[in-house]
Amino acid sequence: MKYRELGKNGLKVSAIGLGCMGMSQSYGAGDEQESVKTLQRAVELGITLFDTADVYGMGANEILVGRALKPYRNKINIATKFGIVRKVGESFTGVSGKPEYVKQACEASLKRLGIDTIDLYYAHRIDPDTPVEDTIGAMARLVEEGKVRYLGISEASANSIKKASAVHPVAALQSEFSLWTRDIEMEILPLCVSLGIGVVPFSPLGRGFLSGKIKDTGMFAEGDFRKDNPRFSEENFKKNLLLVERIEEMAAAKKCTPAQLALAWVLAQGNGIVPIPGTKKVKYLEENIAAVDIELTAGELEEINRALPAGAAAGARYNNEMMKAVNK
């Protein structure tokens, strides 16, 4: 495994982390036994950054992650998030960054995870009704109390990032970033570099699509949120398959899998970038981790960028309801 620093205050993590959401929601039924094997195998392979959130599985994901990783606590960094408000049976009901909610959410996450300190604590979304300075201020108090080590924000605008970092050092920005979602490339990435903020791309494999393993929307199980995702609609799916075919061709020439090529491209976008591909299966975990050893030449990067330029993907990355929560 290779390692990278998130932010400028000493948070060193594996160059690839593990996104744990899919073990408890969004991608069909989970398999707890296989998920535990995957989490523990990740530690064996050198992964030190594990990403969860209080909203994943309505708390079930934090419980799973905390229990499975308890024997390795001194070797790893656990990242979790607060701010997306859900009710049982509903995917999204709102966002809260109110200071009193920040403290309440942190205490609940610590209890579910079974730990004393959260290594990296994110505001999952920016609350439009609460000044971001107030949210970050409340998070900073958690650092002072020893309940959190480093702070992060997720899906934040450039303006929110600037305001947040003026209150307290921000170690990481978590946003969607991949070969088919390059929204943060022009403004957000350079800003993070200038402020010394690491970037943690979620869905670096385009929700599994860039792996080349999804050829038909009929493959999605009941409860898979991709059924309602615009990029997987019948019309857009066909267009996006053409992009994946190009990735498959280039991966074959590089003698790696499409997933490994896609992850290698993300890793090549900067030394402060740590993608967190999600999986609940050991075989895909092992495939993804191998991407850290793939070096792309300047010519290969140029070829990839020509084949999949910014804006190439057909369809929005979220449905209308979920897009409302993205800070702009």
Protein backbone atom coordinates (compact mmCIF):
# COMPACT_ATOMS: atom_id res chain seq x y z
CA MET A 1 0.00 0.00 0.00
CA LYS A 2 1.05 3.59 -0.59
CA TYR A 3 0.13 6.46 1.70
CA ARG A 4 -0.90 10.07 1.31
CA GLU A 5 -1.58 13.05 3.56
CA LEU A 6 -5.02 14.59 3.86
CA GLY A 7 -4.67 18.26 4.68
CA LYS A 8 -1.61 19.93 6.14
CA ASN A 9 -1.93 18.91 9.77
CA GLY A 10 -0.65 15.34 9.74
CA LEU A 11 -3.50 13.01 8.80
CA LYS A 12 -1.70 10.26 6.87
CA VAL A 13 -3.85 7.54 5.31
CA SER A 14 -3.70 4.82 2.69
CA ALA A 15 -3.80 6.13 -0.90
CA ILE A 16 -7.09 4.27 -1.37
CA GLY A 17 -9.70 4.06 1.35
CA LEU A 18 -12.84 1.95 1.64
CA GLY A 19 -16.35 3.35 1.28
CA CYS A 20 -18.66 1.30 3.47
CA MET A 21 -22.14 2.63 2.60
CA GLY A 22 -23.07 -0.16 0.20
CA MET A 23 -22.69 -2.73 2.96
CA SER A 24 -25.86 -1.38 4.57
CA GLN A 25 -27.93 0.43 1.94
CA SER A 26 -28.45 1.66 -1.63
CA TYR A 27 -27.00 -1.29 -3.56
CA GLY A 28 -29.35 -4.14 -2.81
CA ALA A 29 -29.35 -6.56 0.09
CA GLY A 30 -26.28 -6.70 2.28
CA ASP A 31 -24.33 -9.72 3.45
CA GLU A 32 -22.98 -8.96 6.90
CA GLN A 33 -20.58 -11.91 7.00
CA GLU A 34 -19.01 -10.97 3.66
CA SER A 35 -18.91 -7.31 4.68
CA VAL A 36 -16.96 -8.14 7.85
CA LYS A 37 -14.53 -10.23 5.79
CA THR A 38 -14.12 -7.32 3.38
CA LEU A 39 -13.45 -4.80 6.15
CA GLN A 40 -10.90 -7.02 7.84
CA ARG A 41 -9.23 -7.99 4.57
CA ALA A 42 -8.88 -4.28 3.81
CA VAL A 43 -6.85 -3.84 7.01
CA GLU A 44 -4.64 -6.80 6.02
CA LEU A 45 -3.97 -5.14 2.66
CA GLY A 46 -2.94 -1.85 4.22
CA ILE A 47 -6.08 0.27 3.97
CA THR A 48 -6.27 2.68 6.88
CA LEU A 49 -9.20 4.97 5.92
CA PHE A 50 -12.71 3.62 6.39
CA ASP A 51 -15.67 5.82 5.49
CA THR A 52 -19.16 5.59 6.94
CA ALA A 53 -21.96 7.97 8.03
CA ASP A 54 -24.71 8.10 10.60
CA VAL A 55 -27.33 8.04 7.85
CA TYR A 56 -26.08 4.83 6.19
CA GLY A 57 -28.53 2.12 7.10
CA MET A 58 -29.98 4.46 9.73
CA GLY A 59 -26.94 3.86 11.95
CA ALA A 60 -26.48 0.19 11.09
CA ASN A 61 -23.37 0.85 9.00
CA GLU A 62 -21.55 2.58 11.85
CA ILE A 63 -22.37 -0.35 14.14
CA LEU A 64 -21.06 -2.82 11.53
CA VAL A 65 -17.87 -0.87 10.86
CA GLY A 66 -17.15 -0.29 14.54
CA ARG A 67 -17.62 -3.92 15.47
CA ALA A 68 -15.66 -5.38 12.54
CA LEU A 69 -12.72 -3.02 12.97
CA LYS A 70 -12.53 -3.00 16.77
CA PRO A 71 -9.50 -5.35 16.88
CA TYR A 72 -7.57 -3.00 14.57
CA ARG A 73 -8.53 0.35 16.11
CA ASN A 74 -4.95 1.54 16.67
CA LYS A 75 -4.01 0.86 13.01
CA ILE A 76 -6.82 2.66 11.21
CA ASN A 77 -8.71 5.93 10.74
CA ILE A 78 -12.48 5.93 10.91
CA ALA A 79 -14.31 8.71 9.07
CA THR A 80 -17.98 9.32 9.61
CA LYS A 81 -20.45 12.06 8.72
CA PHE A 82 -23.50 13.88 10.06
CA GLY A 83 -26.00 16.31 8.62
CA ILE A 84 -28.33 14.38 6.32
CA VAL A 85 -31.58 13.87 8.16
CA ARG A 86 -33.66 10.80 7.38
CA LYS A 87 -36.74 9.15 8.76
CA VAL A 88 -37.32 5.40 8.63
CA GLY A 89 -38.62 4.49 5.19
CA GLU A 90 -37.49 7.76 3.64
CA SER A 91 -34.21 8.41 1.82
CA PHE A 92 -33.95 12.11 2.65
CA THR A 93 -35.91 14.63 4.69
CA GLY A 94 -33.47 17.52 5.10
CA VAL A 95 -30.07 18.78 6.25
CA SER A 96 -29.02 20.08 9.67
CA GLY A 97 -25.80 21.80 10.63
CA LYS A 98 -27.16 23.43 13.76
CA PRO A 99 -24.56 23.48 16.55
CA GLU A 100 -26.75 21.57 19.00
CA TYR A 101 -27.39 18.92 16.34
CA VAL A 102 -23.65 18.59 15.62
CA LYS A 103 -22.93 17.66 19.23
CA GLN A 104 -25.91 15.31 19.44
CA ALA A 105 -24.97 13.54 16.19
CA CYS A 106 -21.35 13.10 17.25
CA GLU A 107 -22.28 11.52 20.58
CA ALA A 108 -24.62 9.09 18.80
CA SER A 109 -21.96 8.12 16.23
CA LEU A 110 -19.32 7.54 18.92
CA LYS A 111 -21.71 5.21 20.71
CA ARG A 112 -22.63 3.24 17.58
CA LEU A 113 -18.99 2.96 16.47
CA GLY A 114 -17.88 1.96 19.97
CA ILE A 115 -14.95 4.38 19.96
CA ASP A 116 -13.83 7.38 22.01
CA THR A 117 -12.67 9.58 19.14
CA ILE A 118 -13.70 9.95 15.50
CA ASP A 119 -10.60 10.35 13.34
CA LEU A 120 -12.23 12.39 10.56
CA TYR A 121 -15.65 13.97 11.06
CA TYR A 122 -17.49 15.44 8.08
CA ALA A 123 -20.45 17.73 7.69
CA HIS A 124 -22.20 15.48 5.18
CA ARG A 125 -24.04 18.37 3.53
CA ILE A 126 -24.07 22.13 4.10
CA ASP A 127 -27.18 23.34 5.91
CA PRO A 128 -28.61 26.28 3.91
CA ASP A 129 -30.33 27.61 7.02
CA THR A 130 -27.27 27.61 9.30
CA PRO A 131 -24.10 29.65 8.66
CA VAL A 132 -21.34 27.20 7.82
CA GLU A 133 -19.12 29.05 10.31
CA ASP A 134 -21.51 28.02 13.09
CA THR A 135 -21.46 24.38 12.00
CA ILE A 136 -17.66 24.27 11.78
CA GLY A 137 -17.40 26.12 15.09
CA ALA A 138 -19.42 23.41 16.79
CA MET A 139 -17.26 20.76 15.12
CA ALA A 140 -14.12 22.56 16.31
CA ARG A 141 -15.38 22.33 19.88
CA LEU A 142 -15.58 18.55 19.42
CA VAL A 143 -11.87 18.60 18.52
CA GLU A 144 -11.14 20.60 21.69
CA GLU A 145 -13.06 18.01 23.71
CA GLY A 146 -11.06 15.15 22.19
CA LYS A 147 -14.07 13.57 20.52
CA VAL A 148 -12.85 14.29 16.98
CA ARG A 149 -9.31 14.50 15.55
CA TYR A 150 -9.78 16.12 12.13
CA LEU A 151 -12.62 17.95 10.39
CA GLY A 152 -14.03 17.54 6.89
CA ILE A 153 -16.91 18.77 4.75
CA SER A 154 -18.74 17.06 1.93
CA GLU A 155 -20.30 18.28 -1.32
CA ALA A 156 -19.45 21.90 -0.44
CA SER A 157 -19.18 24.94 -2.70
CA ALA A 158 -15.99 26.99 -3.02
CA ASN A 159 -17.56 29.72 -0.89
CA SER A 160 -18.46 27.28 1.90
CA ILE A 161 -14.99 25.73 1.81
CA LYS A 162 -13.37 29.15 2.23
CA LYS A 163 -15.66 30.08 5.11
CA ALA A 164 -15.16 26.74 6.85
CA SER A 165 -11.37 26.77 6.60
CA ALA A 166 -11.29 30.30 8.06
CA VAL A 167 -12.85 28.95 11.27
CA HIS A 168 -10.81 25.76 11.73
CA PRO A 169 -8.37 23.74 9.58
CA VAL A 170 -10.26 21.43 7.24
CA ALA A 171 -8.41 18.19 6.53
CA ALA A 172 -10.59 16.88 3.71
CA LEU A 173 -13.33 17.67 1.26
CA GLN A 174 -15.42 14.69 0.24
CA SER A 175 -17.14 15.02 -3.14
CA GLU A 176 -18.09 12.82 -6.04
CA PHE A 177 -15.20 12.71 -8.52
CA SER A 178 -14.52 10.22 -11.27
CA LEU A 179 -14.05 9.95 -15.01
CA TRP A 180 -17.75 10.63 -15.49
CA THR A 181 -18.22 13.22 -12.72
CA ARG A 182 -15.59 15.94 -13.03
CA ASP A 183 -17.57 18.88 -11.61
CA ILE A 184 -14.95 19.82 -8.98
CA GLU A 185 -12.06 19.91 -11.46
CA MET A 186 -12.02 23.57 -12.50
CA GLU A 187 -12.59 25.46 -9.25
CA ILE A 188 -12.79 23.17 -6.22
CA LEU A 189 -9.64 21.08 -6.73
CA PRO A 190 -7.32 24.09 -7.19
CA LEU A 191 -8.93 25.77 -4.17
CA CYS A 192 -8.30 22.72 -2.00
CA VAL A 193 -4.67 22.63 -3.09
CA SER A 194 -4.23 26.31 -2.24
CA LEU A 195 -5.83 25.87 1.20
CA GLY A 196 -4.02 22.62 2.01
CA ILE A 197 -7.20 20.52 2.02
CA GLY A 198 -7.15 16.89 0.91
CA VAL A 199 -9.82 15.57 -1.45
CA VAL A 200 -11.65 12.29 -0.84
CA PRO A 201 -13.58 11.27 -3.97
CA PHE A 202 -16.60 9.08 -3.36
CA SER A 203 -18.05 6.97 -6.19
CA PRO A 204 -14.70 7.07 -8.07
CA LEU A 205 -16.02 4.14 -10.13
CA GLY A 206 -19.24 5.90 -11.09
CA ARG A 207 -21.38 3.79 -8.73
CA GLY A 208 -19.83 0.67 -10.23
CA PHE A 209 -20.52 1.64 -13.82
CA LEU A 210 -16.90 2.38 -14.76
CA SER A 211 -15.90 -1.14 -13.73
CA GLY A 212 -17.38 -2.46 -16.96
CA LYS A 213 -19.34 -5.07 -15.04
CA ILE A 214 -22.77 -3.44 -15.48
CA LYS A 215 -24.15 -4.13 -18.94
CA ASP A 216 -27.89 -4.06 -18.26
CA THR A 217 -30.06 -2.14 -15.80
CA GLY A 218 -31.88 -5.41 -15.20
CA MET A 219 -28.86 -6.40 -13.10
CA PHE A 220 -29.95 -4.05 -10.30
CA ALA A 221 -31.58 -5.75 -7.34
CA GLU A 222 -34.68 -4.48 -5.60
CA GLY A 223 -33.77 -1.51 -3.41
CA ASP A 224 -30.81 -0.48 -5.58
CA PHE A 225 -30.94 3.32 -5.78
CA ARG A 226 -29.45 3.28 -9.29
CA LYS A 227 -32.91 2.32 -10.53
CA ASP A 228 -33.86 5.96 -9.85
CA ASN A 229 -30.57 7.56 -10.89
CA PRO A 230 -30.73 9.61 -14.13
CA ARG A 231 -27.48 8.20 -15.50
CA PHE A 232 -28.94 4.72 -15.37
CA SER A 233 -32.20 5.57 -17.12
CA GLU A 234 -32.76 3.53 -20.29
CA GLU A 235 -31.84 6.39 -22.64
CA ASN A 236 -28.77 7.60 -20.73
CA PHE A 237 -27.55 4.11 -19.90
CA LYS A 238 -27.05 3.28 -23.58
CA LYS A 239 -25.08 6.47 -24.17
CA ASN A 240 -22.93 5.95 -21.12
CA LEU A 241 -22.12 2.38 -22.12
CA LEU A 242 -20.20 3.83 -25.06
CA LEU A 243 -17.94 5.65 -22.60
CA VAL A 244 -17.30 2.45 -20.68
CA GLU A 245 -16.35 0.67 -23.89
CA ARG A 246 -13.55 3.19 -24.37
CA ILE A 247 -12.34 2.58 -20.83
CA GLU A 248 -12.39 -1.16 -21.46
CA GLU A 249 -10.28 -0.73 -24.60
CA MET A 250 -7.68 1.39 -22.83
CA ALA A 251 -7.60 -0.96 -19.83
CA ALA A 252 -6.98 -3.93 -22.10
CA ALA A 253 -4.05 -2.09 -23.67
CA LYS A 254 -2.71 -1.30 -20.19
CA LYS A 255 -3.26 -4.91 -19.07
CA CYS A 256 -5.45 -3.92 -16.14
CA THR A 257 -9.18 -3.93 -15.42
CA PRO A 258 -11.44 -0.97 -16.28
CA ALA A 259 -11.95 -0.32 -12.55
CA GLN A 260 -8.21 -0.18 -11.96
CA LEU A 261 -7.73 2.23 -14.87
CA ALA A 262 -10.52 4.50 -13.60
CA LEU A 263 -9.03 4.54 -10.08
CA ALA A 264 -5.50 5.10 -11.39
CA TRP A 265 -6.80 8.17 -13.26
CA VAL A 266 -8.32 9.59 -10.05
CA LEU A 267 -5.11 8.94 -8.12
CA ALA A 268 -3.11 10.71 -10.83
CA GLN A 269 -5.06 13.96 -10.37
CA GLY A 270 -3.05 15.00 -7.30
CA ASN A 271 -1.03 13.73 -4.34
CA GLY A 272 -3.67 14.93 -1.89
CA ILE A 273 -6.43 12.85 -3.45
CA VAL A 274 -7.59 9.67 -1.69
CA PRO A 275 -10.50 7.88 -3.42
CA ILE A 276 -12.81 5.66 -1.39
CA PRO A 277 -14.32 3.10 -3.78
CA GLY A 278 -17.09 1.23 -2.08
CA THR A 279 -17.55 -2.50 -2.13
CA LYS A 280 -18.96 -5.24 0.06
CA LYS A 281 -17.02 -8.08 -1.54
CA VAL A 282 -13.42 -9.16 -0.97
CA LYS A 283 -12.74 -9.88 -4.65
CA TYR A 284 -13.62 -6.34 -5.73
CA LEU A 285 -11.68 -4.87 -2.81
CA GLU A 286 -8.54 -6.71 -3.93
CA GLU A 287 -9.07 -5.61 -7.53
CA ASN A 288 -9.47 -1.97 -6.52
CA ILE A 289 -6.44 -1.86 -4.25
CA ALA A 290 -4.16 -3.00 -7.09
CA ALA A 291 -4.79 0.38 -8.76
CA VAL A 292 -2.23 2.03 -6.46
CA ASP A 293 0.52 0.30 -8.42
CA ILE A 294 -0.67 1.44 -11.86
CA GLU A 295 1.30 4.38 -13.25
CA LEU A 296 -0.27 6.29 -16.11
CA THR A 297 2.01 8.15 -18.51
CA ALA A 298 1.29 11.70 -19.66
CA GLY A 299 0.28 10.27 -23.02
CA GLU A 300 -2.13 7.78 -21.44
CA LEU A 301 -3.70 10.48 -19.29
CA GLU A 302 -4.18 12.64 -22.36
CA GLU A 303 -5.80 9.74 -24.21
CA ILE A 304 -8.16 9.07 -21.31
CA ASN A 305 -9.11 12.76 -21.10
CA ARG A 306 -9.88 12.86 -24.80
CA ALA A 307 -12.06 9.77 -24.55
CA LEU A 308 -13.95 10.96 -21.45
CA PRO A 309 -13.82 14.75 -21.27
CA ALA A 310 -15.58 16.68 -18.52
CA GLY A 311 -19.33 16.59 -19.11
CA ALA A 312 -19.25 13.47 -21.27
CA ALA A 313 -21.65 11.46 -19.10
CA ALA A 314 -25.33 11.56 -20.04
CA GLY A 315 -27.73 12.49 -17.23
CA ALA A 316 -27.44 14.22 -13.86
CA ARG A 317 -25.53 12.44 -11.12
CA TYR A 318 -28.50 12.55 -8.70
CA ASN A 319 -32.26 12.77 -9.05
CA ASN A 320 -33.87 16.17 -8.46
CA GLU A 321 -34.58 15.54 -4.77
CA MET A 322 -30.99 14.63 -3.93
CA MET A 323 -29.51 17.43 -6.05
CA LYS A 324 -31.30 19.95 -3.83
CA ALA A 325 -28.95 19.03 -0.96
CA VAL A 326 -25.77 19.73 -2.95
CA ASN A 327 -24.24 23.06 -1.84
CA LYS A 328 -23.77 25.52 -4.69
